Amino acid sequence: MHRKLRLRNRGDFSRIYRGGKSFANGQFVVYWSKQPDADPFRLGVSASKKIGNAVMRNRMRRMVKEIVRHQADRIAPKTDLILIVRKPATAMKMKEMEKSVLHVLKKAGLLKSVGMPPDKRNQGL
């Protein structure tokens, strides 16, 4: 991920936790807040010590960032978001994890419908 797309400041994290909205599934929680300065969006990934040792936490953060990097064109613009990794995500393969991340982002309304022809969007494919 590009440096300008990262959320690293404690104040930003606190602002999003305090004033943002959230959605969750079994593997991830997403908190987000609209932010005019974020162009196109900024991402923070959080993995607590409950996940495992430092190697596991860093691996999970890298995998989530890579998933978001590949889906960057689909994520709603001008948004700050925080993805929190839950323990069940550690047992998932990359494809399963990508599906789960996209699910929680879609549930939160943070995905744009891009890349699919209009006739396919309505069929749920």
N, C-alpha and C. Protein backbone atom coordinates (compact mmCIF):
# COMPACT_ATOMS: atom_id res chain seq x y z
N MET A 1 0.83 -1.18 0.00
CA MET A 1 0.00 0.00 0.00
C MET A 1 0.88 1.24 0.00
N HIS A 2 0.42 2.25 -0.70
CA HIS A 2 1.16 3.50 -0.71
C HIS A 2 1.09 4.15 0.66
N ARG A 3 2.13 4.87 0.99
CA ARG A 3 2.22 5.52 2.30
C ARG A 3 1.04 6.46 2.55
N LYS A 4 0.60 7.17 1.51
CA LYS A 4 -0.49 8.14 1.70
C LYS A 4 -1.83 7.47 1.96
N LEU A 5 -1.94 6.16 1.68
CA LEU A 5 -3.19 5.44 1.89
C LEU A 5 -3.25 4.78 3.27
N ARG A 6 -2.23 4.98 4.10
CA ARG A 6 -2.20 4.32 5.40
C ARG A 6 -2.75 5.22 6.50
N LEU A 7 -3.43 4.61 7.43
CA LEU A 7 -3.86 5.28 8.65
C LEU A 7 -2.92 4.81 9.74
N ARG A 8 -2.17 5.72 10.34
CA ARG A 8 -1.21 5.29 11.35
C ARG A 8 -1.32 6.10 12.64
N ASN A 9 -1.93 7.27 12.56
CA ASN A 9 -2.01 8.20 13.66
C ASN A 9 -3.04 7.73 14.71
N ARG A 10 -2.65 7.72 15.96
CA ARG A 10 -3.55 7.29 17.04
C ARG A 10 -4.82 8.15 17.10
N GLY A 11 -4.68 9.42 16.83
CA GLY A 11 -5.83 10.32 16.83
C GLY A 11 -6.84 9.95 15.76
N ASP A 12 -6.35 9.56 14.59
CA ASP A 12 -7.25 9.13 13.51
C ASP A 12 -7.99 7.85 13.91
N PHE A 13 -7.27 6.90 14.48
CA PHE A 13 -7.91 5.67 14.94
C PHE A 13 -8.99 5.98 15.97
N SER A 14 -8.66 6.83 16.94
CA SER A 14 -9.62 7.20 17.99
C SER A 14 -10.84 7.88 17.41
N ARG A 15 -10.63 8.79 16.45
CA ARG A 15 -11.75 9.50 15.82
C ARG A 15 -12.69 8.53 15.12
N ILE A 16 -12.13 7.56 14.43
CA ILE A 16 -12.95 6.60 13.69
C ILE A 16 -13.69 5.67 14.65
N TYR A 17 -12.99 5.18 15.69
CA TYR A 17 -13.65 4.32 16.67
C TYR A 17 -14.80 5.06 17.36
N ARG A 18 -14.55 6.33 17.71
CA ARG A 18 -15.51 7.11 18.47
C ARG A 18 -16.69 7.55 17.61
N GLY A 19 -16.42 8.08 16.43
CA GLY A 19 -17.48 8.69 15.63
C GLY A 19 -17.87 7.93 14.39
N GLY A 20 -17.22 6.81 14.13
CA GLY A 20 -17.50 6.07 12.91
C GLY A 20 -18.58 5.02 13.08
N LYS A 21 -18.84 4.33 11.99
CA LYS A 21 -19.80 3.24 12.00
C LYS A 21 -19.03 1.94 11.90
N SER A 22 -19.69 0.82 12.23
CA SER A 22 -18.98 -0.46 12.15
C SER A 22 -19.90 -1.57 11.70
N PHE A 23 -19.28 -2.57 11.09
CA PHE A 23 -19.94 -3.82 10.73
C PHE A 23 -18.94 -4.94 10.97
N ALA A 24 -19.45 -6.16 11.14
CA ALA A 24 -18.54 -7.27 11.42
C ALA A 24 -19.08 -8.56 10.82
N ASN A 25 -18.16 -9.48 10.59
CA ASN A 25 -18.53 -10.86 10.32
C ASN A 25 -17.65 -11.71 11.25
N GLY A 26 -17.58 -12.99 11.04
CA GLY A 26 -16.84 -13.85 11.96
C GLY A 26 -15.35 -13.62 11.99
N GLN A 27 -14.78 -13.08 10.89
CA GLN A 27 -13.34 -12.95 10.79
C GLN A 27 -12.82 -11.52 10.87
N PHE A 28 -13.65 -10.53 10.53
CA PHE A 28 -13.19 -9.15 10.48
C PHE A 28 -14.25 -8.19 11.03
N VAL A 29 -13.77 -7.05 11.51
CA VAL A 29 -14.63 -5.94 11.89
C VAL A 29 -14.12 -4.74 11.09
N VAL A 30 -15.04 -3.96 10.53
CA VAL A 30 -14.63 -2.75 9.83
C VAL A 30 -15.30 -1.55 10.50
N TYR A 31 -14.48 -0.56 10.83
CA TYR A 31 -14.96 0.73 11.31
C TYR A 31 -14.63 1.72 10.21
N TRP A 32 -15.55 2.64 9.91
CA TRP A 32 -15.25 3.63 8.90
C TRP A 32 -15.90 4.95 9.20
N SER A 33 -15.33 5.97 8.59
CA SER A 33 -15.82 7.33 8.75
C SER A 33 -15.51 8.08 7.46
N LYS A 34 -16.42 8.94 7.03
CA LYS A 34 -16.16 9.77 5.85
C LYS A 34 -15.12 10.82 6.23
N GLN A 35 -14.19 11.07 5.31
CA GLN A 35 -13.12 12.03 5.56
C GLN A 35 -12.75 12.71 4.25
N PRO A 36 -13.05 14.00 4.10
CA PRO A 36 -12.77 14.70 2.84
C PRO A 36 -11.29 14.68 2.44
N ASP A 37 -10.38 14.59 3.42
CA ASP A 37 -8.94 14.60 3.12
C ASP A 37 -8.46 13.28 2.53
N ALA A 38 -9.18 12.21 2.77
CA ALA A 38 -8.75 10.88 2.34
C ALA A 38 -9.06 10.72 0.86
N ASP A 39 -8.02 10.71 0.03
CA ASP A 39 -8.25 10.57 -1.40
C ASP A 39 -7.33 9.50 -1.95
N PRO A 40 -7.79 8.36 -2.39
CA PRO A 40 -9.18 7.94 -2.49
C PRO A 40 -9.72 7.42 -1.15
N PHE A 41 -8.89 6.75 -0.35
CA PHE A 41 -9.31 6.28 0.98
C PHE A 41 -8.04 6.04 1.78
N ARG A 42 -8.20 5.87 3.10
CA ARG A 42 -7.06 5.51 3.94
C ARG A 42 -7.45 4.27 4.75
N LEU A 43 -6.48 3.39 4.95
CA LEU A 43 -6.73 2.12 5.62
C LEU A 43 -5.80 1.94 6.81
N GLY A 44 -6.37 1.45 7.90
CA GLY A 44 -5.59 1.01 9.04
C GLY A 44 -5.98 -0.43 9.34
N VAL A 45 -5.00 -1.27 9.67
CA VAL A 45 -5.29 -2.66 9.99
C VAL A 45 -4.84 -2.91 11.41
N SER A 46 -5.71 -3.55 12.18
CA SER A 46 -5.41 -3.82 13.59
C SER A 46 -5.50 -5.32 13.83
N ALA A 47 -4.48 -5.87 14.47
CA ALA A 47 -4.48 -7.29 14.85
C ALA A 47 -3.94 -7.36 16.28
N SER A 48 -4.78 -7.76 17.22
CA SER A 48 -4.39 -7.75 18.62
C SER A 48 -3.54 -8.97 18.97
N LYS A 49 -3.04 -9.01 20.18
CA LYS A 49 -2.22 -10.13 20.63
C LYS A 49 -3.02 -11.41 20.76
N LYS A 50 -4.35 -11.31 20.76
CA LYS A 50 -5.19 -12.51 20.80
C LYS A 50 -5.01 -13.34 19.53
N ILE A 51 -4.60 -12.69 18.45
CA ILE A 51 -4.42 -13.36 17.16
C ILE A 51 -3.25 -14.35 17.21
N GLY A 52 -2.20 -13.96 17.87
CA GLY A 52 -1.01 -14.82 17.94
C GLY A 52 0.23 -13.98 18.18
N ASN A 53 1.37 -14.56 17.88
CA ASN A 53 2.62 -13.84 18.11
C ASN A 53 2.83 -12.78 17.03
N ALA A 54 3.93 -12.04 17.12
CA ALA A 54 4.19 -10.93 16.21
C ALA A 54 4.25 -11.39 14.75
N VAL A 55 4.79 -12.56 14.52
CA VAL A 55 4.88 -13.09 13.16
C VAL A 55 3.49 -13.26 12.56
N MET A 56 2.58 -13.84 13.33
CA MET A 56 1.22 -14.08 12.85
C MET A 56 0.48 -12.75 12.65
N ARG A 57 0.62 -11.83 13.61
CA ARG A 57 -0.06 -10.54 13.49
C ARG A 57 0.41 -9.78 12.25
N ASN A 58 1.71 -9.74 12.03
CA ASN A 58 2.25 -9.03 10.86
C ASN A 58 1.84 -9.71 9.56
N ARG A 59 1.80 -11.03 9.56
CA ARG A 59 1.37 -11.78 8.37
C ARG A 59 -0.08 -11.44 8.02
N MET A 60 -0.92 -11.39 9.04
CA MET A 60 -2.34 -11.07 8.81
C MET A 60 -2.48 -9.64 8.29
N ARG A 61 -1.73 -8.71 8.86
CA ARG A 61 -1.79 -7.32 8.39
C ARG A 61 -1.35 -7.22 6.94
N ARG A 62 -0.27 -7.91 6.60
CA ARG A 62 0.22 -7.89 5.20
C ARG A 62 -0.82 -8.46 4.25
N MET A 63 -1.45 -9.57 4.64
CA MET A 63 -2.44 -10.21 3.77
C MET A 63 -3.66 -9.30 3.56
N VAL A 64 -4.13 -8.67 4.63
CA VAL A 64 -5.29 -7.78 4.52
C VAL A 64 -4.95 -6.58 3.64
N LYS A 65 -3.77 -5.99 3.83
CA LYS A 65 -3.36 -4.85 3.01
C LYS A 65 -3.28 -5.24 1.53
N GLU A 66 -2.79 -6.43 1.25
CA GLU A 66 -2.69 -6.90 -0.13
C GLU A 66 -4.08 -7.08 -0.74
N ILE A 67 -5.00 -7.62 0.02
CA ILE A 67 -6.38 -7.80 -0.46
C ILE A 67 -6.98 -6.43 -0.79
N VAL A 68 -6.82 -5.48 0.11
CA VAL A 68 -7.38 -4.15 -0.10
C VAL A 68 -6.69 -3.47 -1.29
N ARG A 69 -5.39 -3.68 -1.43
CA ARG A 69 -4.66 -3.09 -2.57
C ARG A 69 -5.24 -3.57 -3.89
N HIS A 70 -5.56 -4.85 -3.97
CA HIS A 70 -6.14 -5.40 -5.21
C HIS A 70 -7.56 -4.91 -5.46
N GLN A 71 -8.26 -4.54 -4.40
CA GLN A 71 -9.66 -4.10 -4.53
C GLN A 71 -9.81 -2.58 -4.39
N ALA A 72 -8.71 -1.85 -4.45
CA ALA A 72 -8.73 -0.41 -4.18
C ALA A 72 -9.69 0.36 -5.08
N ASP A 73 -9.84 -0.06 -6.31
CA ASP A 73 -10.74 0.67 -7.23
C ASP A 73 -12.21 0.48 -6.88
N ARG A 74 -12.52 -0.52 -6.05
CA ARG A 74 -13.91 -0.80 -5.66
C ARG A 74 -14.31 -0.15 -4.34
N ILE A 75 -13.34 0.36 -3.57
CA ILE A 75 -13.64 0.90 -2.25
C ILE A 75 -14.12 2.34 -2.36
N ALA A 76 -15.15 2.68 -1.58
CA ALA A 76 -15.76 4.01 -1.61
C ALA A 76 -14.71 5.08 -1.35
N PRO A 77 -14.72 6.16 -2.15
CA PRO A 77 -13.73 7.23 -1.98
C PRO A 77 -14.03 8.09 -0.77
N LYS A 78 -13.01 8.87 -0.38
CA LYS A 78 -13.10 9.81 0.74
C LYS A 78 -13.56 9.14 2.03
N THR A 79 -12.95 7.98 2.32
CA THR A 79 -13.31 7.20 3.49
C THR A 79 -12.05 6.78 4.24
N ASP A 80 -12.10 6.88 5.56
CA ASP A 80 -11.07 6.30 6.42
C ASP A 80 -11.66 5.01 6.96
N LEU A 81 -10.92 3.90 6.84
CA LEU A 81 -11.44 2.66 7.38
C LEU A 81 -10.39 1.90 8.15
N ILE A 82 -10.85 1.17 9.15
CA ILE A 82 -10.00 0.33 9.99
C ILE A 82 -10.55 -1.08 9.88
N LEU A 83 -9.70 -2.02 9.52
CA LEU A 83 -10.07 -3.43 9.50
C LEU A 83 -9.41 -4.11 10.69
N ILE A 84 -10.22 -4.73 11.53
CA ILE A 84 -9.71 -5.45 12.69
C ILE A 84 -9.80 -6.94 12.39
N VAL A 85 -8.68 -7.62 12.56
CA VAL A 85 -8.60 -9.06 12.29
C VAL A 85 -9.03 -9.82 13.55
N ARG A 86 -9.90 -10.80 13.37
CA ARG A 86 -10.32 -11.67 14.47
C ARG A 86 -9.60 -13.02 14.35
N LYS A 87 -9.57 -13.76 15.43
CA LYS A 87 -8.84 -15.04 15.51
C LYS A 87 -9.19 -16.03 14.40
N PRO A 88 -10.49 -16.24 14.04
CA PRO A 88 -10.79 -17.23 13.00
C PRO A 88 -10.13 -16.95 11.65
N ALA A 89 -9.75 -15.71 11.39
CA ALA A 89 -9.12 -15.37 10.11
C ALA A 89 -7.74 -15.99 9.97
N THR A 90 -7.10 -16.33 11.08
CA THR A 90 -5.74 -16.87 11.02
C THR A 90 -5.70 -18.25 10.37
N ALA A 91 -6.81 -18.97 10.36
CA ALA A 91 -6.85 -20.31 9.79
C ALA A 91 -7.28 -20.31 8.32
N MET A 92 -7.51 -19.14 7.76
CA MET A 92 -8.04 -19.05 6.40
C MET A 92 -6.94 -18.95 5.35
N LYS A 93 -7.24 -19.47 4.18
CA LYS A 93 -6.38 -19.30 3.01
C LYS A 93 -6.64 -17.90 2.44
N MET A 94 -5.75 -17.44 1.56
CA MET A 94 -5.83 -16.09 1.02
C MET A 94 -7.17 -15.84 0.31
N LYS A 95 -7.63 -16.78 -0.52
CA LYS A 95 -8.88 -16.61 -1.27
C LYS A 95 -10.08 -16.50 -0.32
N GLU A 96 -10.11 -17.34 0.71
CA GLU A 96 -11.20 -17.29 1.69
C GLU A 96 -11.19 -15.96 2.44
N MET A 97 -9.97 -15.51 2.78
CA MET A 97 -9.83 -14.25 3.50
C MET A 97 -10.31 -13.09 2.62
N GLU A 98 -9.96 -13.12 1.35
CA GLU A 98 -10.39 -12.07 0.42
C GLU A 98 -11.92 -12.02 0.35
N LYS A 99 -12.54 -13.19 0.27
CA LYS A 99 -14.00 -13.27 0.22
C LYS A 99 -14.62 -12.69 1.49
N SER A 100 -14.01 -12.97 2.64
CA SER A 100 -14.51 -12.48 3.91
C SER A 100 -14.35 -10.97 4.04
N VAL A 101 -13.20 -10.44 3.61
CA VAL A 101 -12.97 -8.99 3.66
C VAL A 101 -13.98 -8.28 2.75
N LEU A 102 -14.16 -8.81 1.54
CA LEU A 102 -15.12 -8.20 0.62
C LEU A 102 -16.54 -8.27 1.18
N HIS A 103 -16.85 -9.36 1.87
CA HIS A 103 -18.17 -9.51 2.47
C HIS A 103 -18.43 -8.43 3.51
N VAL A 104 -17.47 -8.22 4.41
CA VAL A 104 -17.67 -7.23 5.46
C VAL A 104 -17.70 -5.81 4.89
N LEU A 105 -16.90 -5.54 3.84
CA LEU A 105 -16.94 -4.22 3.21
C LEU A 105 -18.26 -4.00 2.48
N LYS A 106 -18.75 -5.05 1.84
CA LYS A 106 -20.03 -4.94 1.13
C LYS A 106 -21.17 -4.73 2.14
N LYS A 107 -21.11 -5.46 3.25
CA LYS A 107 -22.12 -5.35 4.30
C LYS A 107 -22.14 -3.92 4.86
N ALA A 108 -20.98 -3.30 4.92
CA ALA A 108 -20.87 -1.93 5.42
C ALA A 108 -21.22 -0.89 4.37
N GLY A 109 -21.40 -1.32 3.11
CA GLY A 109 -21.73 -0.39 2.04
C GLY A 109 -20.53 0.39 1.54
N LEU A 110 -19.34 -0.19 1.67
CA LEU A 110 -18.12 0.50 1.27
C LEU A 110 -17.58 0.05 -0.09
N LEU A 111 -18.29 -0.84 -0.78
CA LEU A 111 -17.83 -1.30 -2.09
C LEU A 111 -18.67 -0.68 -3.20
N LYS A 112 -17.96 -0.22 -4.23
CA LYS A 112 -18.64 0.24 -5.43
C LYS A 112 -18.77 -0.96 -6.35
N SER A 113 -19.77 -0.96 -7.19
CA SER A 113 -19.92 -2.02 -8.19
C SER A 113 -19.12 -1.63 -9.42
N VAL A 114 -17.90 -2.13 -9.52
CA VAL A 114 -17.01 -1.82 -10.64
C VAL A 114 -16.53 -3.11 -11.26
N GLY A 115 -16.36 -3.10 -12.55
CA GLY A 115 -15.75 -4.24 -13.23
C GLY A 115 -16.73 -5.26 -13.74
N MET A 116 -17.99 -5.17 -13.36
CA MET A 116 -18.98 -6.12 -13.82
C MET A 116 -19.95 -5.41 -14.76
N PRO A 117 -20.27 -6.00 -15.89
CA PRO A 117 -21.22 -5.35 -16.79
C PRO A 117 -22.57 -5.18 -16.10
N PRO A 118 -23.32 -4.11 -16.45
CA PRO A 118 -24.58 -3.82 -15.78
C PRO A 118 -25.58 -4.97 -15.82
N ASP A 119 -25.60 -5.77 -16.89
CA ASP A 119 -26.56 -6.86 -16.97
C ASP A 119 -26.22 -7.98 -15.98
N LYS A 120 -24.95 -8.16 -15.63
CA LYS A 120 -24.53 -9.18 -14.67
C LYS A 120 -24.79 -8.75 -13.22
N ARG A 121 -24.70 -7.43 -12.94
CA ARG A 121 -24.90 -6.94 -11.57
C ARG A 121 -26.27 -7.31 -11.04
N ASN A 122 -27.27 -7.22 -11.87
CA ASN A 122 -28.64 -7.47 -11.43
C ASN A 122 -28.93 -8.95 -11.24
N GLN A 123 -28.08 -9.83 -11.77
CA GLN A 123 -28.32 -11.26 -11.66
C GLN A 123 -27.67 -11.85 -10.41
N GLY A 124 -26.91 -11.03 -9.69
CA GLY A 124 -26.26 -11.52 -8.46
C GLY A 124 -25.06 -12.43 -8.74
N LEU A 125 -24.44 -12.29 -9.88
CA LEU A 125 -23.28 -13.12 -10.23
C LEU A 125 -22.00 -12.49 -9.81
